[in-house]
Amino acid sequence: MSVQFDYVSVVKKSNVYFNGLCVSHTVQFEDGTKKTLGVILPSDQALTFETHVPERMEIISGECRVRIAGNEQAELFRAGQSFYVPGESTFKIETDQVIDYVCHLEG
């Protein structure tokens, strides 16, 4: 697993969700692909995200419980693991610790 991305452009304005519980920045690659790098802070309730394009969420640090739309049960994901969410869908994420992640936008 790579620990850094080289030769990228970074959008300076942050993406802030859920009153600051999730903050990310968009990274653009030379080939036109995009990723977001972010942090999710602990919360008393699950945070619900909507996807427009397929996304692969790579957990860099921490652990979280994720329930993707259509699934009955939440799954546990830890650092070094990832999960896939189809486009035009939703997922709920819960954590009691700080999560660092990379969202690979695949559409």
PDB file of N, CA and C in Angstrom:
ATOM      1  N   MET A   1       0.844  -1.175   0.000  1.00  0.00           N
ATOM      2  CA  MET A   1       0.000   0.000   0.000  1.00  0.00           C
ATOM      3  C   MET A   1       0.889   1.239   0.000  1.00  0.00           C
ATOM      4  N   SER A   2       0.620   2.132  -0.913  1.00  0.00           N
ATOM      5  CA  SER A   2       1.376   3.367  -1.025  1.00  0.00           C
ATOM      6  C   SER A   2       1.021   4.311   0.131  1.00  0.00           C
ATOM      7  N   VAL A   3       2.011   5.023   0.639  1.00  0.00           N
ATOM      8  CA  VAL A   3       1.769   5.941   1.742  1.00  0.00           C
ATOM      9  C   VAL A   3       1.596   7.378   1.276  1.00  0.00           C
ATOM     10  N   GLN A   4       1.797   7.617  -0.045  1.00  0.00           N
ATOM     11  CA  GLN A   4       1.617   8.962  -0.571  1.00  0.00           C
ATOM     12  C   GLN A   4       1.217   8.897  -2.036  1.00  0.00           C
ATOM     13  N   PHE A   5       0.668   9.999  -2.529  1.00  0.00           N
ATOM     14  CA  PHE A   5       0.341  10.143  -3.936  1.00  0.00           C
ATOM     15  C   PHE A   5       1.266  11.206  -4.507  1.00  0.00           C
ATOM     16  N   ASP A   6       1.919  10.893  -5.620  1.00  0.00           N
ATOM     17  CA  ASP A   6       2.824  11.834  -6.269  1.00  0.00           C
ATOM     18  C   ASP A   6       2.157  12.419  -7.510  1.00  0.00           C
ATOM     19  N   TYR A   7       2.610  13.613  -7.904  1.00  0.00           N
ATOM     20  CA  TYR A   7       2.185  14.265  -9.143  1.00  0.00           C
ATOM     21  C   TYR A   7       0.670  14.451  -9.202  1.00  0.00           C
ATOM     22  N   VAL A   8       0.144  15.143  -8.212  1.00  0.00           N
ATOM     23  CA  VAL A   8      -1.290  15.397  -8.139  1.00  0.00           C
ATOM     24  C   VAL A   8      -1.539  16.886  -7.945  1.00  0.00           C
ATOM     25  N   SER A   9      -2.787  17.274  -8.193  1.00  0.00           N
ATOM     26  CA  SER A   9      -3.267  18.608  -7.844  1.00  0.00           C
ATOM     27  C   SER A   9      -4.257  18.440  -6.709  1.00  0.00           C
ATOM     28  N   VAL A  10      -4.255  19.372  -5.789  1.00  0.00           N
ATOM     29  CA  VAL A  10      -5.151  19.311  -4.638  1.00  0.00           C
ATOM     30  C   VAL A  10      -6.070  20.528  -4.674  1.00  0.00           C
ATOM     31  N   VAL A  11      -7.365  20.283  -4.558  1.00  0.00           N
ATOM     32  CA  VAL A  11      -8.326  21.372  -4.452  1.00  0.00           C
ATOM     33  C   VAL A  11      -8.182  21.954  -3.049  1.00  0.00           C
ATOM     34  N   LYS A  12      -7.919  23.249  -2.960  1.00  0.00           N
ATOM     35  CA  LYS A  12      -7.624  23.862  -1.660  1.00  0.00           C
ATOM     36  C   LYS A  12      -8.835  23.926  -0.737  1.00  0.00           C
ATOM     37  N   LYS A  13     -10.022  24.119  -1.289  1.00  0.00           N
ATOM     38  CA  LYS A  13     -11.219  24.226  -0.442  1.00  0.00           C
ATOM     39  C   LYS A  13     -11.607  22.843   0.050  1.00  0.00           C
ATOM     40  N   SER A  14     -11.833  22.738   1.349  1.00  0.00           N
ATOM     41  CA  SER A  14     -12.203  21.450   1.939  1.00  0.00           C
ATOM     42  C   SER A  14     -13.678  21.143   1.713  1.00  0.00           C
ATOM     43  N   ASN A  15     -13.993  19.849   1.772  1.00  0.00           N
ATOM     44  CA  ASN A  15     -15.371  19.364   1.763  1.00  0.00           C
ATOM     45  C   ASN A  15     -15.712  19.075   3.222  1.00  0.00           C
ATOM     46  N   VAL A  16     -16.697  19.772   3.770  1.00  0.00           N
ATOM     47  CA  VAL A  16     -17.054  19.611   5.175  1.00  0.00           C
ATOM     48  C   VAL A  16     -18.483  19.080   5.253  1.00  0.00           C
ATOM     49  N   TYR A  17     -18.653  17.961   5.961  1.00  0.00           N
ATOM     50  CA  TYR A  17     -19.954  17.316   6.097  1.00  0.00           C
ATOM     51  C   TYR A  17     -20.293  17.123   7.571  1.00  0.00           C
ATOM     52  N   PHE A  18     -21.578  17.074   7.859  1.00  0.00           N
ATOM     53  CA  PHE A  18     -22.068  16.743   9.203  1.00  0.00           C
ATOM     54  C   PHE A  18     -21.458  17.660  10.273  1.00  0.00           C
ATOM     55  N   ASN A  19     -21.519  18.969  10.002  1.00  0.00           N
ATOM     56  CA  ASN A  19     -21.020  19.969  10.960  1.00  0.00           C
ATOM     57  C   ASN A  19     -19.578  19.705  11.376  1.00  0.00           C
ATOM     58  N   GLY A  20     -18.761  19.257  10.436  1.00  0.00           N
ATOM     59  CA  GLY A  20     -17.332  19.073  10.703  1.00  0.00           C
ATOM     60  C   GLY A  20     -16.931  17.687  11.164  1.00  0.00           C
ATOM     61  N   LEU A  21     -17.884  16.750  11.253  1.00  0.00           N
ATOM     62  CA  LEU A  21     -17.526  15.380  11.650  1.00  0.00           C
ATOM     63  C   LEU A  21     -16.784  14.642  10.544  1.00  0.00           C
ATOM     64  N   CYS A  22     -16.911  15.120   9.315  1.00  0.00           N
ATOM     65  CA  CYS A  22     -16.168  14.557   8.184  1.00  0.00           C
ATOM     66  C   CYS A  22     -15.618  15.715   7.363  1.00  0.00           C
ATOM     67  N   VAL A  23     -14.312  15.708   7.151  1.00  0.00           N
ATOM     68  CA  VAL A  23     -13.647  16.740   6.355  1.00  0.00           C
ATOM     69  C   VAL A  23     -12.718  16.042   5.371  1.00  0.00           C
ATOM     70  N   SER A  24     -12.787  16.454   4.100  1.00  0.00           N
ATOM     71  CA  SER A  24     -11.909  15.846   3.097  1.00  0.00           C
ATOM     72  C   SER A  24     -11.428  16.903   2.111  1.00  0.00           C
ATOM     73  N   HIS A  25     -10.423  16.516   1.329  1.00  0.00           N
ATOM     74  CA  HIS A  25      -9.920  17.328   0.219  1.00  0.00           C
ATOM     75  C   HIS A  25      -9.884  16.451  -1.031  1.00  0.00           C
ATOM     76  N   THR A  26     -10.179  17.062  -2.155  1.00  0.00           N
ATOM     77  CA  THR A  26     -10.162  16.356  -3.431  1.00  0.00           C
ATOM     78  C   THR A  26      -8.767  16.424  -4.035  1.00  0.00           C
ATOM     79  N   VAL A  27      -8.304  15.261  -4.502  1.00  0.00           N
ATOM     80  CA  VAL A  27      -7.007  15.136  -5.158  1.00  0.00           C
ATOM     81  C   VAL A  27      -7.263  14.716  -6.601  1.00  0.00           C
ATOM     82  N   GLN A  28      -6.674  15.461  -7.534  1.00  0.00           N
ATOM     83  CA  GLN A  28      -6.851  15.169  -8.953  1.00  0.00           C
ATOM     84  C   GLN A  28      -5.530  14.665  -9.534  1.00  0.00           C
ATOM     85  N   PHE A  29      -5.609  13.559 -10.301  1.00  0.00           N
ATOM     86  CA  PHE A  29      -4.434  12.937 -10.888  1.00  0.00           C
ATOM     87  C   PHE A  29      -4.268  13.364 -12.337  1.00  0.00           C
ATOM     88  N   GLU A  30      -3.053  13.185 -12.861  1.00  0.00           N
ATOM     89  CA  GLU A  30      -2.753  13.584 -14.236  1.00  0.00           C
ATOM     90  C   GLU A  30      -3.666  12.911 -15.250  1.00  0.00           C
ATOM     91  N   ASP A  31      -4.118  11.675 -14.950  1.00  0.00           N
ATOM     92  CA  ASP A  31      -4.978  10.952 -15.896  1.00  0.00           C
ATOM     93  C   ASP A  31      -6.456  11.343 -15.780  1.00  0.00           C
ATOM     94  N   GLY A  32      -6.761  12.337 -14.935  1.00  0.00           N
ATOM     95  CA  GLY A  32      -8.129  12.819 -14.790  1.00  0.00           C
ATOM     96  C   GLY A  32      -8.914  12.173 -13.660  1.00  0.00           C
ATOM     97  N   THR A  33      -8.387  11.127 -13.050  1.00  0.00           N
ATOM     98  CA  THR A  33      -9.105  10.485 -11.954  1.00  0.00           C
ATOM     99  C   THR A  33      -9.028  11.358 -10.699  1.00  0.00           C
ATOM    100  N   LYS A  34      -9.984  11.115  -9.802  1.00  0.00           N
ATOM    101  CA  LYS A  34     -10.055  11.881  -8.555  1.00  0.00           C
ATOM    102  C   LYS A  34     -10.201  10.944  -7.373  1.00  0.00           C
ATOM    103  N   LYS A  35      -9.706  11.415  -6.246  1.00  0.00           N
ATOM    104  CA  LYS A  35      -9.873  10.737  -4.967  1.00  0.00           C
ATOM    105  C   LYS A  35     -10.143  11.828  -3.936  1.00  0.00           C
ATOM    106  N   THR A  36     -10.729  11.436  -2.820  1.00  0.00           N
ATOM    107  CA  THR A  36     -10.789  12.363  -1.700  1.00  0.00           C
ATOM    108  C   THR A  36     -10.040  11.735  -0.537  1.00  0.00           C
ATOM    109  N   LEU A  37      -9.319  12.571   0.197  1.00  0.00           N
ATOM    110  CA  LEU A  37      -8.583  12.159   1.385  1.00  0.00           C
ATOM    111  C   LEU A  37      -9.261  12.843   2.553  1.00  0.00           C
ATOM    112  N   GLY A  38      -9.648  12.057   3.555  1.00  0.00           N
ATOM    113  CA  GLY A  38     -10.394  12.693   4.625  1.00  0.00           C
ATOM    114  C   GLY A  38     -10.280  12.032   5.972  1.00  0.00           C
ATOM    115  N   VAL A  39     -10.990  12.655   6.906  1.00  0.00           N
ATOM    116  CA  VAL A  39     -11.048  12.227   8.290  1.00  0.00           C
ATOM    117  C   VAL A  39     -12.506  12.216   8.713  1.00  0.00           C
ATOM    118  N   ILE A  40     -12.907  11.160   9.419  1.00  0.00           N
ATOM    119  CA  ILE A  40     -14.222  11.097  10.038  1.00  0.00           C
ATOM    120  C   ILE A  40     -14.000  11.020  11.547  1.00  0.00           C
ATOM    121  N   LEU A  41     -14.651  11.911  12.276  1.00  0.00           N
ATOM    122  CA  LEU A  41     -14.513  11.959  13.724  1.00  0.00           C
ATOM    123  C   LEU A  41     -15.592  11.103  14.385  1.00  0.00           C
ATOM    124  N   PRO A  42     -15.336  10.655  15.611  1.00  0.00           N
ATOM    125  CA  PRO A  42     -16.334   9.863  16.331  1.00  0.00           C
ATOM    126  C   PRO A  42     -17.648  10.634  16.476  1.00  0.00           C
ATOM    127  N   SER A  43     -18.747   9.882  16.462  1.00  0.00           N
ATOM    128  CA  SER A  43     -20.070  10.482  16.554  1.00  0.00           C
ATOM    129  C   SER A  43     -21.001   9.540  17.302  1.00  0.00           C
ATOM    130  N   ASP A  44     -22.019  10.107  17.933  1.00  0.00           N
ATOM    131  CA  ASP A  44     -23.016   9.306  18.643  1.00  0.00           C
ATOM    132  C   ASP A  44     -23.980   8.596  17.694  1.00  0.00           C
ATOM    133  N   GLN A  45     -24.023   9.046  16.456  1.00  0.00           N
ATOM    134  CA  GLN A  45     -24.948   8.444  15.495  1.00  0.00           C
ATOM    135  C   GLN A  45     -24.238   8.147  14.179  1.00  0.00           C
ATOM    136  N   ALA A  46     -24.821   7.245  13.408  1.00  0.00           N
ATOM    137  CA  ALA A  46     -24.262   6.898  12.098  1.00  0.00           C
ATOM    138  C   ALA A  46     -24.373   8.095  11.157  1.00  0.00           C
ATOM    139  N   LEU A  47     -23.368   8.268  10.308  1.00  0.00           N
ATOM    140  CA  LEU A  47     -23.381   9.306   9.277  1.00  0.00           C
ATOM    141  C   LEU A  47     -23.780   8.650   7.961  1.00  0.00           C
ATOM    142  N   THR A  48     -24.745   9.230   7.267  1.00  0.00           N
ATOM    143  CA  THR A  48     -25.224   8.663   6.007  1.00  0.00           C
ATOM    144  C   THR A  48     -24.671   9.465   4.839  1.00  0.00           C
ATOM    145  N   PHE A  49     -23.956   8.780   3.953  1.00  0.00           N
ATOM    146  CA  PHE A  49     -23.364   9.389   2.765  1.00  0.00           C
ATOM    147  C   PHE A  49     -24.101   8.901   1.522  1.00  0.00           C
ATOM    148  N   GLU A  50     -24.233   9.770   0.530  1.00  0.00           N
ATOM    149  CA  GLU A  50     -24.798   9.414  -0.773  1.00  0.00           C
ATOM    150  C   GLU A  50     -23.659   9.332  -1.782  1.00  0.00           C
ATOM    151  N   THR A  51     -23.754   8.353  -2.676  1.00  0.00           N
ATOM    152  CA  THR A  51     -22.766   8.254  -3.753  1.00  0.00           C
ATOM    153  C   THR A  51     -23.434   8.603  -5.071  1.00  0.00           C
ATOM    154  N   HIS A  52     -22.688   9.232  -5.936  1.00  0.00           N
ATOM    155  CA  HIS A  52     -23.165   9.514  -7.293  1.00  0.00           C
ATOM    156  C   HIS A  52     -22.470   8.594  -8.290  1.00  0.00           C
ATOM    157  N   VAL A  53     -21.198   8.321  -8.023  1.00  0.00           N
ATOM    158  CA  VAL A  53     -20.417   7.379  -8.831  1.00  0.00           C
ATOM    159  C   VAL A  53     -19.982   6.245  -7.907  1.00  0.00           C
ATOM    160  N   PRO A  54     -19.580   5.099  -8.450  1.00  0.00           N
ATOM    161  CA  PRO A  54     -19.059   4.025  -7.592  1.00  0.00           C
ATOM    162  C   PRO A  54     -17.846   4.523  -6.803  1.00  0.00           C
ATOM    163  N   GLU A  55     -17.752   4.086  -5.553  1.00  0.00           N
ATOM    164  CA  GLU A  55     -16.653   4.496  -4.683  1.00  0.00           C
ATOM    165  C   GLU A  55     -16.070   3.283  -3.981  1.00  0.00           C
ATOM    166  N   ARG A  56     -14.751   3.312  -3.842  1.00  0.00           N
ATOM    167  CA  ARG A  56     -14.077   2.335  -2.988  1.00  0.00           C
ATOM    168  C   ARG A  56     -13.459   3.112  -1.847  1.00  0.00           C
ATOM    169  N   MET A  57     -13.910   2.823  -0.645  1.00  0.00           N
ATOM    170  CA  MET A  57     -13.434   3.518   0.552  1.00  0.00           C
ATOM    171  C   MET A  57     -12.326   2.687   1.195  1.00  0.00           C
ATOM    172  N   GLU A  58     -11.140   3.237   1.230  1.00  0.00           N
ATOM    173  CA  GLU A  58      -9.968   2.584   1.818  1.00  0.00           C
ATOM    174  C   GLU A  58      -9.737   3.169   3.212  1.00  0.00           C
ATOM    175  N   ILE A  59      -9.766   2.338   4.223  1.00  0.00           N
ATOM    176  CA  ILE A  59      -9.551   2.797   5.590  1.00  0.00           C
ATOM    177  C   ILE A  59      -8.045   2.818   5.859  1.00  0.00           C
ATOM    178  N   ILE A  60      -7.518   3.988   6.187  1.00  0.00           N
ATOM    179  CA  ILE A  60      -6.085   4.162   6.421  1.00  0.00           C
ATOM    180  C   ILE A  60      -5.749   3.948   7.893  1.00  0.00           C
ATOM    181  N   SER A  61      -6.584   4.471   8.784  1.00  0.00           N
ATOM    182  CA  SER A  61      -6.387   4.248  10.218  1.00  0.00           C
ATOM    183  C   SER A  61      -7.736   4.229  10.915  1.00  0.00           C
ATOM    184  N   GLY A  62      -7.784   3.514  12.031  1.00  0.00           N
ATOM    185  CA  GLY A  62      -9.015   3.395  12.803  1.00  0.00           C
ATOM    186  C   GLY A  62      -9.851   2.221  12.342  1.00  0.00           C
ATOM    187  N   GLU A  63     -11.067   2.131  12.892  1.00  0.00           N
ATOM    188  CA  GLU A  63     -12.012   1.107  12.463  1.00  0.00           C
ATOM    189  C   GLU A  63     -13.410   1.678  12.526  1.00  0.00           C
ATOM    190  N   CYS A  64     -14.301   1.117  11.701  1.00  0.00           N
ATOM    191  CA  CYS A  64     -15.657   1.625  11.600  1.00  0.00           C
ATOM    192  C   CYS A  64     -16.610   0.503  11.222  1.00  0.00           C
ATOM    193  N   ARG A  65     -17.874   0.757  11.474  1.00  0.00           N
ATOM    194  CA  ARG A  65     -18.940  -0.152  11.064  1.00  0.00           C
ATOM    195  C   ARG A  65     -19.677   0.517   9.909  1.00  0.00           C
ATOM    196  N   VAL A  66     -19.901  -0.255   8.854  1.00  0.00           N
ATOM    197  CA  VAL A  66     -20.492   0.294   7.629  1.00  0.00           C
ATOM    198  C   VAL A  66     -21.675  -0.561   7.210  1.00  0.00           C
ATOM    199  N   ARG A  67     -22.784   0.122   6.875  1.00  0.00           N
ATOM    200  CA  ARG A  67     -23.930  -0.576   6.300  1.00  0.00           C
ATOM    201  C   ARG A  67     -24.253   0.076   4.967  1.00  0.00           C
ATOM    202  N   ILE A  68     -24.076  -0.690   3.903  1.00  0.00           N
ATOM    203  CA  ILE A  68     -24.342  -0.220   2.551  1.00  0.00           C
ATOM    204  C   ILE A  68     -25.812  -0.483   2.246  1.00  0.00           C
ATOM    205  N   ALA A  69     -26.449   0.462   1.552  1.00  0.00           N
ATOM    206  CA  ALA A  69     -27.871   0.343   1.216  1.00  0.00           C
ATOM    207  C   ALA A  69     -28.159  -1.040   0.656  1.00  0.00           C
ATOM    208  N   GLY A  70     -29.236  -1.654   1.130  1.00  0.00           N
ATOM    209  CA  GLY A  70     -29.620  -2.979   0.669  1.00  0.00           C
ATOM    210  C   GLY A  70     -29.096  -4.099   1.544  1.00  0.00           C
ATOM    211  N   ASN A  71     -28.130  -3.816   2.397  1.00  0.00           N
ATOM    212  CA  ASN A  71     -27.587  -4.831   3.307  1.00  0.00           C
ATOM    213  C   ASN A  71     -28.280  -4.722   4.659  1.00  0.00           C
ATOM    214  N   GLU A  72     -28.590  -5.851   5.230  1.00  0.00           N
ATOM    215  CA  GLU A  72     -29.269  -5.895   6.531  1.00  0.00           C
ATOM    216  C   GLU A  72     -28.334  -5.548   7.683  1.00  0.00           C
ATOM    217  N   GLN A  73     -27.088  -6.015   7.597  1.00  0.00           N
ATOM    218  CA  GLN A  73     -26.141  -5.899   8.703  1.00  0.00           C
ATOM    219  C   GLN A  73     -24.989  -4.959   8.355  1.00  0.00           C
ATOM    220  N   ALA A  74     -24.467  -4.307   9.383  1.00  0.00           N
ATOM    221  CA  ALA A  74     -23.253  -3.508   9.219  1.00  0.00           C
ATOM    222  C   ALA A  74     -22.052  -4.447   9.283  1.00  0.00           C
ATOM    223  N   GLU A  75     -20.983  -4.073   8.578  1.00  0.00           N
ATOM    224  CA  GLU A  75     -19.732  -4.832   8.607  1.00  0.00           C
ATOM    225  C   GLU A  75     -18.652  -3.975   9.237  1.00  0.00           C
ATOM    226  N   LEU A  76     -17.706  -4.618   9.908  1.00  0.00           N
ATOM    227  CA  LEU A  76     -16.585  -3.934  10.533  1.00  0.00           C
ATOM    228  C   LEU A  76     -15.423  -3.853   9.545  1.00  0.00           C
ATOM    229  N   PHE A  77     -14.857  -2.659   9.415  1.00  0.00           N
ATOM    230  CA  PHE A  77     -13.686  -2.448   8.558  1.00  0.00           C
ATOM    231  C   PHE A  77     -12.606  -1.772   9.391  1.00  0.00           C
ATOM    232  N   ARG A  78     -11.373  -2.260   9.228  1.00  0.00           N
ATOM    233  CA  ARG A  78     -10.212  -1.744   9.966  1.00  0.00           C
ATOM    234  C   ARG A  78      -9.180  -1.186   8.986  1.00  0.00           C
ATOM    235  N   ALA A  79      -8.180  -0.520   9.551  1.00  0.00           N
ATOM    236  CA  ALA A  79      -7.078   0.008   8.750  1.00  0.00           C
ATOM    237  C   ALA A  79      -6.529  -1.082   7.838  1.00  0.00           C
ATOM    238  N   GLY A  80      -6.307  -0.728   6.574  1.00  0.00           N
ATOM    239  CA  GLY A  80      -5.799  -1.682   5.601  1.00  0.00           C
ATOM    240  C   GLY A  80      -6.891  -2.371   4.809  1.00  0.00           C
ATOM    241  N   GLN A  81      -8.151  -2.176   5.191  1.00  0.00           N
ATOM    242  CA  GLN A  81      -9.270  -2.789   4.470  1.00  0.00           C
ATOM    243  C   GLN A  81     -10.016  -1.717   3.682  1.00  0.00           C
ATOM    244  N   SER A  82     -10.850  -2.163   2.759  1.00  0.00           N
ATOM    245  CA  SER A  82     -11.671  -1.227   1.994  1.00  0.00           C
ATOM    246  C   SER A  82     -13.032  -1.851   1.719  1.00  0.00           C
ATOM    247  N   PHE A  83     -13.974  -1.003   1.346  1.00  0.00           N
ATOM    248  CA  PHE A  83     -15.303  -1.478   0.957  1.00  0.00           C
ATOM    249  C   PHE A  83     -15.758  -0.701  -0.268  1.00  0.00           C
ATOM    250  N   TYR A  84     -16.654  -1.321  -1.028  1.00  0.00           N
ATOM    251  CA  TYR A  84     -17.134  -0.780  -2.296  1.00  0.00           C
ATOM    252  C   TYR A  84     -18.601  -0.373  -2.147  1.00  0.00           C
ATOM    253  N   VAL A  85     -18.937   0.795  -2.691  1.00  0.00           N
ATOM    254  CA  VAL A  85     -20.309   1.278  -2.694  1.00  0.00           C
ATOM    255  C   VAL A  85     -20.668   1.613  -4.133  1.00  0.00           C
ATOM    256  N   PRO A  86     -21.763   1.050  -4.655  1.00  0.00           N
ATOM    257  CA  PRO A  86     -22.156   1.368  -6.031  1.00  0.00           C
ATOM    258  C   PRO A  86     -22.540   2.845  -6.173  1.00  0.00           C
ATOM    259  N   GLY A  87     -22.570   3.316  -7.403  1.00  0.00           N
ATOM    260  CA  GLY A  87     -23.032   4.675  -7.679  1.00  0.00           C
ATOM    261  C   GLY A  87     -24.526   4.781  -7.411  1.00  0.00           C
ATOM    262  N   GLU A  88     -24.966   6.004  -7.162  1.00  0.00           N
ATOM    263  CA  GLU A  88     -26.383   6.285  -6.880  1.00  0.00           C
ATOM    264  C   GLU A  88     -26.895   5.407  -5.739  1.00  0.00           C
ATOM    265  N   SER A  89     -26.152   5.377  -4.651  1.00  0.00           N
ATOM    266  CA  SER A  89     -26.491   4.560  -3.497  1.00  0.00           C
ATOM    267  C   SER A  89     -26.216   5.363  -2.223  1.00  0.00           C
ATOM    268  N   THR A  90     -26.313   4.699  -1.084  1.00  0.00           N
ATOM    269  CA  THR A  90     -25.988   5.321   0.199  1.00  0.00           C
ATOM    270  C   THR A  90     -25.241   4.313   1.065  1.00  0.00           C
ATOM    271  N   PHE A  91     -24.536   4.840   2.050  1.00  0.00           N
ATOM    272  CA  PHE A  91     -23.969   3.980   3.081  1.00  0.00           C
ATOM    273  C   PHE A  91     -23.942   4.753   4.393  1.00  0.00           C
ATOM    274  N   LYS A  92     -24.043   4.009   5.478  1.00  0.00           N
ATOM    275  CA  LYS A  92     -23.975   4.578   6.825  1.00  0.00           C
ATOM    276  C   LYS A  92     -22.679   4.107   7.459  1.00  0.00           C
ATOM    277  N   ILE A  93     -22.001   5.029   8.132  1.00  0.00           N
ATOM    278  CA  ILE A  93     -20.740   4.698   8.782  1.00  0.00           C
ATOM    279  C   ILE A  93     -20.796   5.160  10.239  1.00  0.00           C
ATOM    280  N   GLU A  94     -20.355   4.294  11.138  1.00  0.00           N
ATOM    281  CA  GLU A  94     -20.298   4.601  12.565  1.00  0.00           C
ATOM    282  C   GLU A  94     -18.888   4.329  13.071  1.00  0.00           C
ATOM    283  N   THR A  95     -18.418   5.202  13.950  1.00  0.00           N
ATOM    284  CA  THR A  95     -17.104   4.976  14.547  1.00  0.00           C
ATOM    285  C   THR A  95     -17.029   5.661  15.903  1.00  0.00           C
ATOM    286  N   ASP A  96     -16.234   5.095  16.781  1.00  0.00           N
ATOM    287  CA  ASP A  96     -15.980   5.735  18.062  1.00  0.00           C
ATOM    288  C   ASP A  96     -14.514   6.149  18.158  1.00  0.00           C
ATOM    289  N   GLN A  97     -13.850   6.207  17.005  1.00  0.00           N
ATOM    290  CA  GLN A  97     -12.467   6.677  16.937  1.00  0.00           C
ATOM    291  C   GLN A  97     -12.258   7.435  15.639  1.00  0.00           C
ATOM    292  N   VAL A  98     -11.150   8.147  15.534  1.00  0.00           N
ATOM    293  CA  VAL A  98     -10.853   8.912  14.322  1.00  0.00           C
ATOM    294  C   VAL A  98     -10.518   7.945  13.195  1.00  0.00           C
ATOM    295  N   ILE A  99     -11.132   8.168  12.037  1.00  0.00           N
ATOM    296  CA  ILE A  99     -10.903   7.363  10.837  1.00  0.00           C
ATOM    297  C   ILE A  99     -10.212   8.225   9.794  1.00  0.00           C
ATOM    298  N   ASP A 100      -9.088   7.781   9.277  1.00  0.00           N
ATOM    299  CA  ASP A 100      -8.471   8.391   8.088  1.00  0.00           C
ATOM    300  C   ASP A 100      -8.839   7.505   6.907  1.00  0.00           C
ATOM    301  N   TYR A 101      -9.232   8.100   5.788  1.00  0.00           N
ATOM    302  CA  TYR A 101      -9.653   7.306   4.641  1.00  0.00           C
ATOM    303  C   TYR A 101      -9.240   7.944   3.326  1.00  0.00           C
ATOM    304  N   VAL A 102      -9.236   7.108   2.290  1.00  0.00           N
ATOM    305  CA  VAL A 102      -9.125   7.564   0.909  1.00  0.00           C
ATOM    306  C   VAL A 102     -10.357   7.036   0.197  1.00  0.00           C
ATOM    307  N   CYS A 103     -11.087   7.930  -0.442  1.00  0.00           N
ATOM    308  CA  CYS A 103     -12.237   7.537  -1.253  1.00  0.00           C
ATOM    309  C   CYS A 103     -11.800   7.561  -2.717  1.00  0.00           C
ATOM    310  N   HIS A 104     -11.778   6.380  -3.321  1.00  0.00           N
ATOM    311  CA  HIS A 104     -11.403   6.248  -4.733  1.00  0.00           C
ATOM    312  C   HIS A 104     -12.672   6.377  -5.552  1.00  0.00           C
ATOM    313  N   LEU A 105     -12.821   7.500  -6.262  1.00  0.00           N
ATOM    314  CA  LEU A 105     -13.999   7.738  -7.105  1.00  0.00           C
ATOM    315  C   LEU A 105     -13.800   6.988  -8.401  1.00  0.00           C
ATOM    316  N   GLU A 106     -14.647   5.995  -8.646  1.00  0.00           N
ATOM    317  CA  GLU A 106     -14.409   5.061  -9.750  1.00  0.00           C
ATOM    318  C   GLU A 106     -15.337   5.261 -10.932  1.00  0.00           C
ATOM    319  N   GLY A 107     -15.975   6.394 -11.002  1.00  0.00           N
ATOM    320  CA  GLY A 107     -16.905   6.623 -12.118  1.00  0.00           C
ATOM    321  C   GLY A 107     -16.531   7.813 -12.931  1.00  0.00           C
TER     322      GLY A 107
END
